[in-house]
């Protein structure tokens, strides 16, 4: 490999973080959706609690979609970085081989 380095654990840590965020948000959304708003008392307040739960659920669902998208992008970045690293390593090997050929020709003269 070449001198271009990025620790694979960075991508794995990011993947885990974003995956767990999505899972935790989804759990919170399900909990909130199942909440009994009638325990707060007044009818208007119950309505407000249910409305909040619906809006929160929608927002959390959107966050989940975006974190899932972030995981996909992290995977793509990791793949592209690996490809780039391989290309750089191959070009360095080629340059080294060309340099050795040139040195060999100079010595042969």
N, C-alpha and C. Protein backbone atom coordinates (compact mmCIF):
# COMPACT_ATOMS: atom_id res chain seq x y z
N UNK A 1 0.83 -1.19 0.00
CA UNK A 1 0.00 0.00 0.00
C UNK A 1 0.87 1.25 0.00
N UNK A 2 0.24 2.38 -0.21
CA UNK A 2 0.96 3.64 -0.30
C UNK A 2 1.03 4.34 1.05
N UNK A 3 1.52 5.56 1.04
CA UNK A 3 1.59 6.35 2.26
C UNK A 3 0.27 7.03 2.60
N UNK A 4 -0.68 6.98 1.70
CA UNK A 4 -2.00 7.56 1.94
C UNK A 4 -2.72 6.67 2.93
N UNK A 5 -3.01 7.21 4.13
CA UNK A 5 -3.60 6.36 5.17
C UNK A 5 -4.80 7.03 5.81
N UNK A 6 -5.79 6.24 6.06
CA UNK A 6 -6.95 6.64 6.84
C UNK A 6 -7.40 5.39 7.56
N UNK A 7 -7.38 5.45 8.86
CA UNK A 7 -7.68 4.29 9.68
C UNK A 7 -9.10 3.79 9.41
N UNK A 8 -9.24 2.51 9.09
CA UNK A 8 -10.55 1.91 8.82
C UNK A 8 -11.50 2.02 10.00
N UNK A 9 -10.95 2.10 11.20
CA UNK A 9 -11.81 2.18 12.38
C UNK A 9 -12.62 3.47 12.40
N UNK A 10 -12.11 4.51 11.75
CA UNK A 10 -12.86 5.76 11.67
C UNK A 10 -14.19 5.52 10.98
N UNK A 11 -14.15 4.83 9.85
CA UNK A 11 -15.38 4.55 9.11
C UNK A 11 -16.29 3.63 9.91
N UNK A 12 -15.72 2.65 10.56
CA UNK A 12 -16.52 1.72 11.35
C UNK A 12 -17.19 2.43 12.53
N UNK A 13 -16.45 3.31 13.18
CA UNK A 13 -17.02 4.07 14.30
C UNK A 13 -18.15 4.98 13.83
N UNK A 14 -17.93 5.66 12.71
CA UNK A 14 -18.98 6.52 12.16
C UNK A 14 -20.23 5.71 11.79
N UNK A 15 -20.00 4.57 11.16
CA UNK A 15 -21.11 3.69 10.76
C UNK A 15 -21.93 3.27 11.99
N UNK A 16 -21.23 2.85 13.03
CA UNK A 16 -21.90 2.41 14.26
C UNK A 16 -22.66 3.56 14.91
N UNK A 17 -22.03 4.72 14.97
CA UNK A 17 -22.66 5.88 15.59
C UNK A 17 -23.95 6.25 14.88
N UNK A 18 -23.88 6.39 13.56
CA UNK A 18 -25.07 6.78 12.82
C UNK A 18 -26.13 5.69 12.84
N UNK A 19 -25.72 4.45 12.83
CA UNK A 19 -26.69 3.36 12.90
C UNK A 19 -27.41 3.35 14.24
N UNK A 20 -26.68 3.56 15.32
CA UNK A 20 -27.32 3.54 16.64
C UNK A 20 -28.19 4.77 16.85
N UNK A 21 -27.81 5.90 16.27
CA UNK A 21 -28.65 7.11 16.37
C UNK A 21 -30.01 6.82 15.76
N UNK A 22 -29.99 6.24 14.59
CA UNK A 22 -31.24 5.92 13.90
C UNK A 22 -32.09 4.96 14.73
N UNK A 23 -31.47 3.93 15.27
CA UNK A 23 -32.21 2.95 16.09
C UNK A 23 -32.78 3.59 17.35
N UNK A 24 -31.98 4.42 18.02
CA UNK A 24 -32.45 5.07 19.25
C UNK A 24 -33.58 6.05 18.97
N UNK A 25 -33.47 6.78 17.87
CA UNK A 25 -34.54 7.72 17.52
C UNK A 25 -35.82 6.98 17.20
N UNK A 26 -35.70 5.87 16.52
CA UNK A 26 -36.89 5.08 16.18
C UNK A 26 -37.54 4.54 17.45
N UNK A 27 -36.74 4.11 18.40
CA UNK A 27 -37.28 3.62 19.68
C UNK A 27 -38.01 4.75 20.42
N UNK A 28 -37.43 5.94 20.39
CA UNK A 28 -38.07 7.09 21.04
C UNK A 28 -39.39 7.43 20.35
N UNK A 29 -39.39 7.35 19.04
CA UNK A 29 -40.61 7.64 18.27
C UNK A 29 -41.71 6.65 18.63
N UNK A 30 -41.37 5.37 18.72
CA UNK A 30 -42.38 4.35 19.06
C UNK A 30 -42.89 4.55 20.48
N UNK A 31 -42.00 4.90 21.39
CA UNK A 31 -42.41 5.14 22.78
C UNK A 31 -43.35 6.33 22.86
N UNK A 32 -42.99 7.40 22.20
CA UNK A 32 -43.82 8.59 22.22
C UNK A 32 -45.17 8.35 21.56
N UNK A 33 -45.17 7.61 20.49
CA UNK A 33 -46.42 7.31 19.79
C UNK A 33 -47.36 6.51 20.70
N UNK A 34 -46.80 5.67 21.55
CA UNK A 34 -47.61 4.85 22.43
C UNK A 34 -47.99 5.53 23.74
N UNK A 35 -47.55 6.79 23.91
CA UNK A 35 -47.83 7.50 25.15
C UNK A 35 -49.33 7.81 25.27
N UNK A 36 -49.81 7.74 26.48
CA UNK A 36 -51.21 8.04 26.76
C UNK A 36 -51.34 9.50 27.15
N UNK A 37 -51.81 10.32 26.23
CA UNK A 37 -51.94 11.75 26.47
C UNK A 37 -53.02 12.10 27.45
N UNK A 38 -53.93 11.19 27.72
CA UNK A 38 -55.04 11.50 28.62
C UNK A 38 -54.59 11.71 30.07
N UNK A 39 -53.39 11.28 30.40
CA UNK A 39 -52.91 11.43 31.77
C UNK A 39 -52.60 12.87 32.13
N UNK A 40 -52.50 13.75 31.14
CA UNK A 40 -52.18 15.15 31.43
C UNK A 40 -53.40 15.94 31.86
N UNK A 41 -54.58 15.40 31.68
CA UNK A 41 -55.78 16.05 32.20
C UNK A 41 -56.63 16.72 31.15
N UNK A 42 -56.54 18.03 31.05
CA UNK A 42 -57.42 18.84 30.21
C UNK A 42 -57.41 18.40 28.75
N UNK A 43 -58.59 18.46 28.15
CA UNK A 43 -58.76 18.02 26.77
C UNK A 43 -57.83 18.69 25.78
N UNK A 44 -57.67 20.01 25.88
CA UNK A 44 -56.80 20.75 24.97
C UNK A 44 -55.35 20.29 25.15
N UNK A 45 -54.95 20.06 26.37
CA UNK A 45 -53.60 19.62 26.65
C UNK A 45 -53.37 18.21 26.10
N UNK A 46 -54.37 17.35 26.22
CA UNK A 46 -54.29 15.99 25.66
C UNK A 46 -54.09 16.08 24.15
N UNK A 47 -54.88 16.96 23.52
CA UNK A 47 -54.77 17.16 22.07
C UNK A 47 -53.37 17.65 21.70
N UNK A 48 -52.84 18.60 22.48
CA UNK A 48 -51.50 19.13 22.22
C UNK A 48 -50.43 18.05 22.37
N UNK A 49 -50.58 17.18 23.37
CA UNK A 49 -49.62 16.09 23.58
C UNK A 49 -49.64 15.14 22.39
N UNK A 50 -50.83 14.81 21.90
CA UNK A 50 -50.94 13.92 20.74
C UNK A 50 -50.37 14.57 19.49
N UNK A 51 -50.62 15.87 19.32
CA UNK A 51 -50.10 16.60 18.16
C UNK A 51 -48.57 16.63 18.22
N UNK A 52 -48.04 16.90 19.41
CA UNK A 52 -46.59 16.90 19.58
C UNK A 52 -46.01 15.53 19.24
N UNK A 53 -46.65 14.49 19.72
CA UNK A 53 -46.15 13.13 19.47
C UNK A 53 -46.13 12.83 17.97
N UNK A 54 -47.16 13.27 17.26
CA UNK A 54 -47.20 13.05 15.81
C UNK A 54 -46.09 13.81 15.10
N UNK A 55 -45.92 15.08 15.48
CA UNK A 55 -44.87 15.89 14.84
C UNK A 55 -43.48 15.35 15.19
N UNK A 56 -43.28 14.99 16.43
CA UNK A 56 -42.00 14.43 16.86
C UNK A 56 -41.73 13.13 16.10
N UNK A 57 -42.76 12.31 15.96
CA UNK A 57 -42.60 11.05 15.23
C UNK A 57 -42.16 11.28 13.80
N UNK A 58 -42.76 12.28 13.15
CA UNK A 58 -42.39 12.59 11.77
C UNK A 58 -40.93 13.06 11.70
N UNK A 59 -40.56 13.96 12.63
CA UNK A 59 -39.19 14.49 12.65
C UNK A 59 -38.17 13.40 12.90
N UNK A 60 -38.48 12.52 13.82
CA UNK A 60 -37.56 11.42 14.13
C UNK A 60 -37.43 10.48 12.93
N UNK A 61 -38.53 10.24 12.25
CA UNK A 61 -38.50 9.39 11.06
C UNK A 61 -37.59 10.01 9.99
N UNK A 62 -37.68 11.33 9.82
CA UNK A 62 -36.82 12.02 8.86
C UNK A 62 -35.36 11.94 9.27
N UNK A 63 -35.09 12.11 10.57
CA UNK A 63 -33.72 11.96 11.06
C UNK A 63 -33.18 10.56 10.78
N UNK A 64 -34.04 9.57 10.97
CA UNK A 64 -33.65 8.19 10.69
C UNK A 64 -33.27 8.00 9.24
N UNK A 65 -34.05 8.59 8.34
CA UNK A 65 -33.74 8.49 6.90
C UNK A 65 -32.40 9.13 6.61
N UNK A 66 -32.16 10.30 7.21
CA UNK A 66 -30.90 11.01 6.94
C UNK A 66 -29.70 10.28 7.54
N UNK A 67 -29.86 9.71 8.71
CA UNK A 67 -28.73 8.97 9.28
C UNK A 67 -28.46 7.71 8.47
N UNK A 68 -29.51 7.09 7.95
CA UNK A 68 -29.33 5.92 7.08
C UNK A 68 -28.58 6.34 5.81
N UNK A 69 -28.95 7.50 5.28
CA UNK A 69 -28.24 8.04 4.11
C UNK A 69 -26.79 8.35 4.43
N UNK A 70 -26.53 8.83 5.65
CA UNK A 70 -25.15 9.12 6.06
C UNK A 70 -24.32 7.84 6.11
N UNK A 71 -24.92 6.76 6.59
CA UNK A 71 -24.22 5.48 6.64
C UNK A 71 -23.85 5.03 5.22
N UNK A 72 -24.78 5.20 4.29
CA UNK A 72 -24.50 4.84 2.89
C UNK A 72 -23.32 5.67 2.35
N UNK A 73 -23.32 6.96 2.66
CA UNK A 73 -22.24 7.83 2.18
C UNK A 73 -20.91 7.45 2.83
N UNK A 74 -20.93 7.12 4.10
CA UNK A 74 -19.70 6.69 4.78
C UNK A 74 -19.15 5.44 4.11
N UNK A 75 -20.04 4.52 3.77
CA UNK A 75 -19.61 3.31 3.07
C UNK A 75 -18.99 3.64 1.71
N UNK A 76 -19.61 4.56 0.97
CA UNK A 76 -19.08 4.96 -0.34
C UNK A 76 -17.72 5.62 -0.20
N UNK A 77 -17.60 6.49 0.80
CA UNK A 77 -16.32 7.17 1.02
C UNK A 77 -15.23 6.14 1.32
N UNK A 78 -15.55 5.17 2.17
CA UNK A 78 -14.58 4.12 2.49
C UNK A 78 -14.17 3.33 1.27
N UNK A 79 -15.14 2.98 0.43
CA UNK A 79 -14.84 2.23 -0.80
C UNK A 79 -13.96 3.05 -1.73
N UNK A 80 -14.33 4.31 -1.95
CA UNK A 80 -13.56 5.17 -2.85
C UNK A 80 -12.16 5.42 -2.32
N UNK A 81 -12.04 5.59 -1.01
CA UNK A 81 -10.73 5.79 -0.43
C UNK A 81 -9.86 4.56 -0.66
N UNK A 82 -10.44 3.38 -0.48
CA UNK A 82 -9.71 2.14 -0.73
C UNK A 82 -9.24 2.04 -2.17
N UNK A 83 -10.13 2.40 -3.10
CA UNK A 83 -9.77 2.39 -4.53
C UNK A 83 -8.64 3.38 -4.81
N UNK A 84 -8.76 4.56 -4.26
CA UNK A 84 -7.73 5.59 -4.44
C UNK A 84 -6.39 5.13 -3.88
N UNK A 85 -6.43 4.54 -2.71
CA UNK A 85 -5.22 4.04 -2.07
C UNK A 85 -4.55 2.97 -2.95
N UNK A 86 -5.36 2.09 -3.51
CA UNK A 86 -4.83 1.03 -4.38
C UNK A 86 -4.22 1.64 -5.65
N UNK A 87 -4.90 2.62 -6.25
CA UNK A 87 -4.38 3.27 -7.45
C UNK A 87 -3.05 3.97 -7.16
N UNK A 88 -2.99 4.64 -6.01
CA UNK A 88 -1.75 5.32 -5.64
C UNK A 88 -0.63 4.32 -5.43
N UNK A 89 -0.92 3.22 -4.77
CA UNK A 89 0.09 2.19 -4.53
C UNK A 89 0.61 1.64 -5.87
N UNK A 90 -0.30 1.39 -6.80
CA UNK A 90 0.11 0.86 -8.11
C UNK A 90 0.95 1.87 -8.88
N UNK A 91 0.58 3.15 -8.79
CA UNK A 91 1.36 4.17 -9.50
C UNK A 91 2.74 4.32 -8.88
N UNK A 92 2.84 4.16 -7.56
CA UNK A 92 4.15 4.23 -6.92
C UNK A 92 5.02 3.04 -7.31
N UNK A 93 4.41 1.86 -7.42
CA UNK A 93 5.16 0.67 -7.86
C UNK A 93 5.66 0.86 -9.28
N UNK A 94 4.80 1.41 -10.13
CA UNK A 94 5.16 1.65 -11.53
C UNK A 94 6.29 2.66 -11.62
N UNK A 95 6.19 3.73 -10.84
CA UNK A 95 7.24 4.76 -10.83
C UNK A 95 8.55 4.17 -10.33
N UNK A 96 8.50 3.31 -9.33
CA UNK A 96 9.69 2.67 -8.80
C UNK A 96 10.32 1.76 -9.84
N UNK A 97 9.48 1.00 -10.56
CA UNK A 97 9.99 0.11 -11.60
C UNK A 97 10.63 0.91 -12.72
N UNK A 98 10.02 2.04 -13.11
CA UNK A 98 10.59 2.90 -14.15
C UNK A 98 11.92 3.49 -13.70
N UNK A 99 12.01 3.85 -12.44
CA UNK A 99 13.24 4.41 -11.89
C UNK A 99 14.36 3.37 -11.91
N UNK A 100 14.02 2.13 -11.56
CA UNK A 100 15.02 1.06 -11.57
C UNK A 100 15.50 0.77 -12.99
N UNK A 101 14.59 0.83 -13.96
CA UNK A 101 14.97 0.63 -15.37
C UNK A 101 15.95 1.73 -15.81
N UNK A 102 15.62 2.96 -15.45
CA UNK A 102 16.47 4.09 -15.82
C UNK A 102 17.85 3.94 -15.18
N UNK A 103 17.91 3.54 -13.93
CA UNK A 103 19.20 3.34 -13.25
C UNK A 103 19.99 2.23 -13.93
N UNK A 104 19.29 1.18 -14.33
CA UNK A 104 19.92 0.04 -14.99
C UNK A 104 20.53 0.46 -16.32
N UNK A 105 19.83 1.30 -17.06
CA UNK A 105 20.33 1.77 -18.37
C UNK A 105 21.56 2.65 -18.17
N UNK A 106 21.55 3.49 -17.13
CA UNK A 106 22.69 4.35 -16.87
C UNK A 106 23.92 3.54 -16.54
N UNK A 107 23.77 2.48 -15.78
CA UNK A 107 24.88 1.63 -15.39
C UNK A 107 25.39 0.82 -16.58
N UNK A 108 24.51 0.50 -17.50
CA UNK A 108 24.87 -0.29 -18.67
C UNK A 108 25.66 0.48 -19.70
N UNK A 109 25.64 1.81 -19.67
CA UNK A 109 26.35 2.63 -20.66
C UNK A 109 27.79 2.72 -20.40
